[in-house]
Amino acid sequence: MYEEVNLILDFIEKHLYEDIKLDDICRLVNYSKSHISRMFNKYIGLSLPKYVTKRRLSNAAIMIYNTDKPIGYIADVHGFGTDKYFSTLFKKELGISPLNYRKRNGYIYLFPKRILKGGSVELMKNLEDIVCQININSDSNGEVKAELTNIQRTNDGVELAVSVSKEMDGKATVEVTLE
């Protein structure tokens, strides 16, 4: 199953800016639509369309942050059609409008491609069991900080916070808090 899910994930990445059809994925792994939907949701923790949307929004957020391209152009490139629909979806998923996101310094929203590497199914079964947030910030002095926070395992109440700071001189500081 891991191989099939990874094939699907690779296919999505290769065709992220195209119209991804479930029929094409069915032919790729030779399973029915319902089986693929159940399998993907079981191992990734999201429906296939939700995963694709999150990946596209992540790439769009990077483009908004790194370029001055118009929002309508970015919406079109990432397959969202109108800039109004894109802006509504962006705000719903990220909690901020694309224009305000562009003005905000030091925060980049990332939803990286998922990869399954075997092991226990329980680790990937329910992504909602693990909550985390990654913030990457930089200031005018060139200091870059990456912070991984709000990691929780809801079934046993464990919380973990990890903070990584890298200074201009190349030194890094890591803080880990377990509660």
C-alpha atoms as a PDB file:
ATOM      1  CA  MET A   1       0.000   0.000   0.000  1.00  0.00           C
ATOM      2  CA  TYR A   2       2.827   2.425   0.785  1.00  0.00           C
ATOM      3  CA  GLU A   3       4.153   2.125  -2.766  1.00  0.00           C
ATOM      4  CA  GLU A   4       0.757   2.924  -4.274  1.00  0.00           C
ATOM      5  CA  VAL A   5       0.241   5.928  -2.000  1.00  0.00           C
ATOM      6  CA  ASN A   6       3.722   7.222  -2.848  1.00  0.00           C
ATOM      7  CA  LEU A   7       2.970   6.759  -6.570  1.00  0.00           C
ATOM      8  CA  ILE A   8      -0.172   8.841  -6.097  1.00  0.00           C
ATOM      9  CA  LEU A   9       1.768  11.518  -4.173  1.00  0.00           C
ATOM     10  CA  ASP A  10       4.415  11.667  -6.913  1.00  0.00           C
ATOM     11  CA  PHE A  11       1.714  11.879  -9.581  1.00  0.00           C
ATOM     12  CA  ILE A  12       0.077  14.768  -7.746  1.00  0.00           C
ATOM     13  CA  GLU A  13       3.397  16.639  -7.540  1.00  0.00           C
ATOM     14  CA  LYS A  14       4.108  16.129 -11.247  1.00  0.00           C
ATOM     15  CA  HIS A  15       0.628  17.332 -12.215  1.00  0.00           C
ATOM     16  CA  LEU A  16      -0.011  19.839  -9.427  1.00  0.00           C
ATOM     17  CA  TYR A  17      -0.760  22.683 -11.822  1.00  0.00           C
ATOM     18  CA  GLU A  18      -2.992  20.588 -14.075  1.00  0.00           C
ATOM     19  CA  ASP A  19      -6.514  19.250 -13.703  1.00  0.00           C
ATOM     20  CA  ILE A  20      -5.897  16.080 -11.672  1.00  0.00           C
ATOM     21  CA  LYS A  21      -8.539  13.475 -12.440  1.00  0.00           C
ATOM     22  CA  LEU A  22      -9.262  10.515 -10.205  1.00  0.00           C
ATOM     23  CA  ASP A  23      -9.598   8.355 -13.349  1.00  0.00           C
ATOM     24  CA  ASP A  24      -5.928   9.023 -14.173  1.00  0.00           C
ATOM     25  CA  ILE A  25      -4.904   7.989 -10.661  1.00  0.00           C
ATOM     26  CA  CYS A  26      -7.057   4.846 -10.949  1.00  0.00           C
ATOM     27  CA  ARG A  27      -5.198   3.845 -14.107  1.00  0.00           C
ATOM     28  CA  LEU A  28      -1.856   4.586 -12.426  1.00  0.00           C
ATOM     29  CA  VAL A  29      -2.351   2.235  -9.462  1.00  0.00           C
ATOM     30  CA  ASN A  30      -5.060  -0.014 -10.940  1.00  0.00           C
ATOM     31  CA  TYR A  31      -7.602   0.459  -8.131  1.00  0.00           C
ATOM     32  CA  SER A  32     -11.190   1.712  -8.062  1.00  0.00           C
ATOM     33  CA  LYS A  33     -12.026   5.325  -7.198  1.00  0.00           C
ATOM     34  CA  SER A  34     -13.575   4.362  -3.874  1.00  0.00           C
ATOM     35  CA  HIS A  35     -10.574   2.201  -2.898  1.00  0.00           C
ATOM     36  CA  ILE A  36      -8.123   4.982  -3.784  1.00  0.00           C
ATOM     37  CA  SER A  37     -10.148   7.532  -1.827  1.00  0.00           C
ATOM     38  CA  ARG A  38     -10.313   5.315   1.273  1.00  0.00           C
ATOM     39  CA  MET A  39      -6.631   4.314   1.019  1.00  0.00           C
ATOM     40  CA  PHE A  40      -5.413   7.892   0.539  1.00  0.00           C
ATOM     41  CA  ASN A  41      -7.496   9.177   3.427  1.00  0.00           C
ATOM     42  CA  LYS A  42      -6.352   6.302   5.666  1.00  0.00           C
ATOM     43  CA  TYR A  43      -2.633   6.793   5.060  1.00  0.00           C
ATOM     44  CA  ILE A  44      -2.427  10.547   4.526  1.00  0.00           C
ATOM     45  CA  GLY A  45      -5.236  11.675   6.795  1.00  0.00           C
ATOM     46  CA  LEU A  46      -6.808  13.978   4.215  1.00  0.00           C
ATOM     47  CA  SER A  47      -9.065  13.483   1.243  1.00  0.00           C
ATOM     48  CA  LEU A  48      -7.291  13.575  -2.095  1.00  0.00           C
ATOM     49  CA  PRO A  49      -8.906  16.884  -3.202  1.00  0.00           C
ATOM     50  CA  LYS A  50      -8.097  18.508   0.177  1.00  0.00           C
ATOM     51  CA  TYR A  51      -4.468  17.386  -0.077  1.00  0.00           C
ATOM     52  CA  VAL A  52      -4.151  18.793  -3.616  1.00  0.00           C
ATOM     53  CA  THR A  53      -5.715  22.082  -2.509  1.00  0.00           C
ATOM     54  CA  LYS A  54      -3.338  22.383   0.461  1.00  0.00           C
ATOM     55  CA  ARG A  55      -0.307  21.669  -1.764  1.00  0.00           C
ATOM     56  CA  ARG A  56      -1.441  24.260  -4.315  1.00  0.00           C
ATOM     57  CA  LEU A  57      -2.102  26.839  -1.596  1.00  0.00           C
ATOM     58  CA  SER A  58       1.332  26.179  -0.106  1.00  0.00           C
ATOM     59  CA  ASN A  59       3.041  26.798  -3.444  1.00  0.00           C
ATOM     60  CA  ALA A  60       0.855  29.843  -4.073  1.00  0.00           C
ATOM     61  CA  ALA A  61       1.785  31.237  -0.649  1.00  0.00           C
ATOM     62  CA  ILE A  62       5.472  30.908  -1.478  1.00  0.00           C
ATOM     63  CA  MET A  63       4.897  32.699  -4.793  1.00  0.00           C
ATOM     64  CA  ILE A  64       2.928  35.478  -3.067  1.00  0.00           C
ATOM     65  CA  TYR A  65       5.706  35.909  -0.526  1.00  0.00           C
ATOM     66  CA  ASN A  66       8.621  35.795  -2.985  1.00  0.00           C
ATOM     67  CA  THR A  67       7.221  37.715  -5.964  1.00  0.00           C
ATOM     68  CA  ASP A  68       5.194  40.790  -6.770  1.00  0.00           C
ATOM     69  CA  LYS A  69       3.039  38.937  -9.314  1.00  0.00           C
ATOM     70  CA  PRO A  70      -0.656  39.906  -9.193  1.00  0.00           C
ATOM     71  CA  ILE A  71      -2.895  37.691  -7.051  1.00  0.00           C
ATOM     72  CA  GLY A  72      -5.061  36.913 -10.095  1.00  0.00           C
ATOM     73  CA  TYR A  73      -2.025  35.601 -11.957  1.00  0.00           C
ATOM     74  CA  ILE A  74      -0.986  33.424  -8.993  1.00  0.00           C
ATOM     75  CA  ALA A  75      -4.550  32.105  -8.652  1.00  0.00           C
ATOM     76  CA  ASP A  76      -4.624  31.193 -12.344  1.00  0.00           C
ATOM     77  CA  VAL A  77      -1.179  29.538 -12.345  1.00  0.00           C
ATOM     78  CA  HIS A  78      -2.167  27.356  -9.398  1.00  0.00           C
ATOM     79  CA  GLY A  79      -5.468  26.286 -10.932  1.00  0.00           C
ATOM     80  CA  PHE A  80      -7.868  28.249  -8.735  1.00  0.00           C
ATOM     81  CA  GLY A  81      -9.627  30.087 -11.559  1.00  0.00           C
ATOM     82  CA  THR A  82     -10.727  33.454 -10.260  1.00  0.00           C
ATOM     83  CA  ASP A  83      -8.775  35.573  -7.812  1.00  0.00           C
ATOM     84  CA  LYS A  84     -11.951  36.005  -5.742  1.00  0.00           C
ATOM     85  CA  TYR A  85     -12.328  32.235  -5.229  1.00  0.00           C
ATOM     86  CA  PHE A  86      -8.602  31.938  -4.552  1.00  0.00           C
ATOM     87  CA  SER A  87      -8.661  34.774  -2.007  1.00  0.00           C
ATOM     88  CA  THR A  88     -11.675  33.273  -0.223  1.00  0.00           C
ATOM     89  CA  LEU A  89     -10.066  29.825  -0.049  1.00  0.00           C
ATOM     90  CA  PHE A  90      -6.675  31.262   0.944  1.00  0.00           C
ATOM     91  CA  LYS A  91      -8.224  33.207   3.818  1.00  0.00           C
ATOM     92  CA  LYS A  92     -10.310  30.201   4.918  1.00  0.00           C
ATOM     93  CA  GLU A  93      -7.292  27.860   4.999  1.00  0.00           C
ATOM     94  CA  LEU A  94      -4.556  30.251   6.186  1.00  0.00           C
ATOM     95  CA  GLY A  95      -6.589  32.763   8.179  1.00  0.00           C
ATOM     96  CA  ILE A  96      -5.247  35.764   6.260  1.00  0.00           C
ATOM     97  CA  SER A  97      -5.972  37.320   2.871  1.00  0.00           C
ATOM     98  CA  PRO A  98      -3.341  36.935   0.115  1.00  0.00           C
ATOM     99  CA  LEU A  99      -2.635  40.686   0.087  1.00  0.00           C
ATOM    100  CA  ASN A 100      -2.160  40.847   3.855  1.00  0.00           C
ATOM    101  CA  TYR A 101      -0.029  37.714   3.657  1.00  0.00           C
ATOM    102  CA  ARG A 102       2.226  39.448   1.128  1.00  0.00           C
ATOM    103  CA  LYS A 103       2.638  42.456   3.451  1.00  0.00           C
ATOM    104  CA  ARG A 104       3.436  40.290   6.470  1.00  0.00           C
ATOM    105  CA  ASN A 105       7.181  39.955   7.122  1.00  0.00           C
ATOM    106  CA  GLY A 106       8.913  36.724   7.923  1.00  0.00           C
ATOM    107  CA  TYR A 107       6.164  34.074   7.770  1.00  0.00           C
ATOM    108  CA  ILE A 108       5.930  31.491   5.020  1.00  0.00           C
ATOM    109  CA  TYR A 109       3.091  28.953   5.008  1.00  0.00           C
ATOM    110  CA  LEU A 110       4.273  25.500   4.001  1.00  0.00           C
ATOM    111  CA  PHE A 111       2.355  22.284   3.446  1.00  0.00           C
ATOM    112  CA  PRO A 112       5.101  19.961   2.177  1.00  0.00           C
ATOM    113  CA  LYS A 113       4.608  16.912   0.012  1.00  0.00           C
ATOM    114  CA  ARG A 114       3.943  13.837   2.110  1.00  0.00           C
ATOM    115  CA  ILE A 115       5.991  10.653   1.690  1.00  0.00           C
ATOM    116  CA  LEU A 116       5.313   7.288   3.313  1.00  0.00           C
ATOM    117  CA  LYS A 117       8.417   5.287   4.163  1.00  0.00           C
ATOM    118  CA  GLY A 118       6.866   2.170   5.651  1.00  0.00           C
ATOM    119  CA  GLY A 119       6.649   1.379   9.308  1.00  0.00           C
ATOM    120  CA  SER A 120       3.555   1.404  11.419  1.00  0.00           C
ATOM    121  CA  VAL A 121       0.324   2.543   9.810  1.00  0.00           C
ATOM    122  CA  GLU A 122      -0.603   4.163  13.113  1.00  0.00           C
ATOM    123  CA  LEU A 123       2.018   6.869  12.541  1.00  0.00           C
ATOM    124  CA  MET A 124       0.223   8.224   9.459  1.00  0.00           C
ATOM    125  CA  LYS A 125      -3.301   6.977  10.114  1.00  0.00           C
ATOM    126  CA  ASN A 126      -4.759  10.185  11.506  1.00  0.00           C
ATOM    127  CA  LEU A 127      -2.849  13.387  10.876  1.00  0.00           C
ATOM    128  CA  GLU A 128      -5.389  15.207  12.984  1.00  0.00           C
ATOM    129  CA  ASP A 129      -3.927  13.320  15.976  1.00  0.00           C
ATOM    130  CA  ILE A 130      -0.770  15.394  15.580  1.00  0.00           C
ATOM    131  CA  VAL A 131      -0.989  19.160  15.334  1.00  0.00           C
ATOM    132  CA  CYS A 132       2.047  21.254  14.466  1.00  0.00           C
ATOM    133  CA  GLN A 133       2.948  24.622  13.019  1.00  0.00           C
ATOM    134  CA  ILE A 134       6.204  25.698  11.389  1.00  0.00           C
ATOM    135  CA  ASN A 135       7.134  29.374  11.278  1.00  0.00           C
ATOM    136  CA  ILE A 136      10.189  30.712   9.480  1.00  0.00           C
ATOM    137  CA  ASN A 137      11.110  34.280  10.357  1.00  0.00           C
ATOM    138  CA  SER A 138      13.924  36.641   9.522  1.00  0.00           C
ATOM    139  CA  ASP A 139      14.690  40.076  10.861  1.00  0.00           C
ATOM    140  CA  SER A 140      16.575  43.090   9.533  1.00  0.00           C
ATOM    141  CA  ASN A 141      19.822  41.811  11.096  1.00  0.00           C
ATOM    142  CA  GLY A 142      19.691  38.677   8.935  1.00  0.00           C
ATOM    143  CA  GLU A 143      18.800  36.384  11.830  1.00  0.00           C
ATOM    144  CA  VAL A 144      16.704  33.444  10.668  1.00  0.00           C
ATOM    145  CA  LYS A 145      14.533  31.470  13.061  1.00  0.00           C
ATOM    146  CA  ALA A 146      12.620  28.288  12.354  1.00  0.00           C
ATOM    147  CA  GLU A 147      10.114  27.345  14.998  1.00  0.00           C
ATOM    148  CA  LEU A 148       8.134  24.125  15.192  1.00  0.00           C
ATOM    149  CA  THR A 149       5.415  24.516  17.779  1.00  0.00           C
ATOM    150  CA  ASN A 150       2.078  23.228  18.974  1.00  0.00           C
ATOM    151  CA  ILE A 151       2.912  19.572  18.520  1.00  0.00           C
ATOM    152  CA  GLN A 152       0.365  17.576  20.422  1.00  0.00           C
ATOM    153  CA  ARG A 153      -0.708  13.978  20.506  1.00  0.00           C
ATOM    154  CA  THR A 154      -4.326  14.329  21.446  1.00  0.00           C
ATOM    155  CA  ASN A 155      -4.848  10.706  22.515  1.00  0.00           C
ATOM    156  CA  ASP A 156      -2.309  10.818  25.383  1.00  0.00           C
ATOM    157  CA  GLY A 157      -1.980  14.554  26.025  1.00  0.00           C
ATOM    158  CA  VAL A 158       1.753  14.856  25.196  1.00  0.00           C
ATOM    159  CA  GLU A 159       2.862  18.294  24.003  1.00  0.00           C
ATOM    160  CA  LEU A 160       6.207  19.135  22.442  1.00  0.00           C
ATOM    161  CA  ALA A 161       7.657  22.472  21.336  1.00  0.00           C
ATOM    162  CA  VAL A 162      10.844  22.735  19.274  1.00  0.00           C
ATOM    163  CA  SER A 163      12.564  26.017  18.463  1.00  0.00           C
ATOM    164  CA  VAL A 164      15.613  26.401  16.204  1.00  0.00           C
ATOM    165  CA  SER A 165      17.501  29.683  15.806  1.00  0.00           C
ATOM    166  CA  LYS A 166      20.382  30.319  13.427  1.00  0.00           C
ATOM    167  CA  GLU A 167      22.472  33.434  13.879  1.00  0.00           C
ATOM    168  CA  MET A 168      24.513  35.235  11.192  1.00  0.00           C
ATOM    169  CA  ASP A 169      27.746  33.644  12.430  1.00  0.00           C
ATOM    170  CA  GLY A 170      26.397  30.181  11.575  1.00  0.00           C
ATOM    171  CA  LYS A 171      25.686  29.066  15.132  1.00  0.00           C
ATOM    172  CA  ALA A 172      22.352  27.422  15.814  1.00  0.00           C
ATOM    173  CA  THR A 173      20.352  27.126  18.998  1.00  0.00           C
ATOM    174  CA  VAL A 174      17.769  24.391  19.547  1.00  0.00           C
ATOM    175  CA  GLU A 175      15.221  24.390  22.366  1.00  0.00           C
ATOM    176  CA  VAL A 176      12.953  21.436  23.064  1.00  0.00           C
ATOM    177  CA  THR A 177      10.154  21.507  25.613  1.00  0.00           C
ATOM    178  CA  LEU A 178       8.149  18.421  26.510  1.00  0.00           C
ATOM    179  CA  GLU A 179       5.120  18.717  28.761  1.00  0.00           C
END
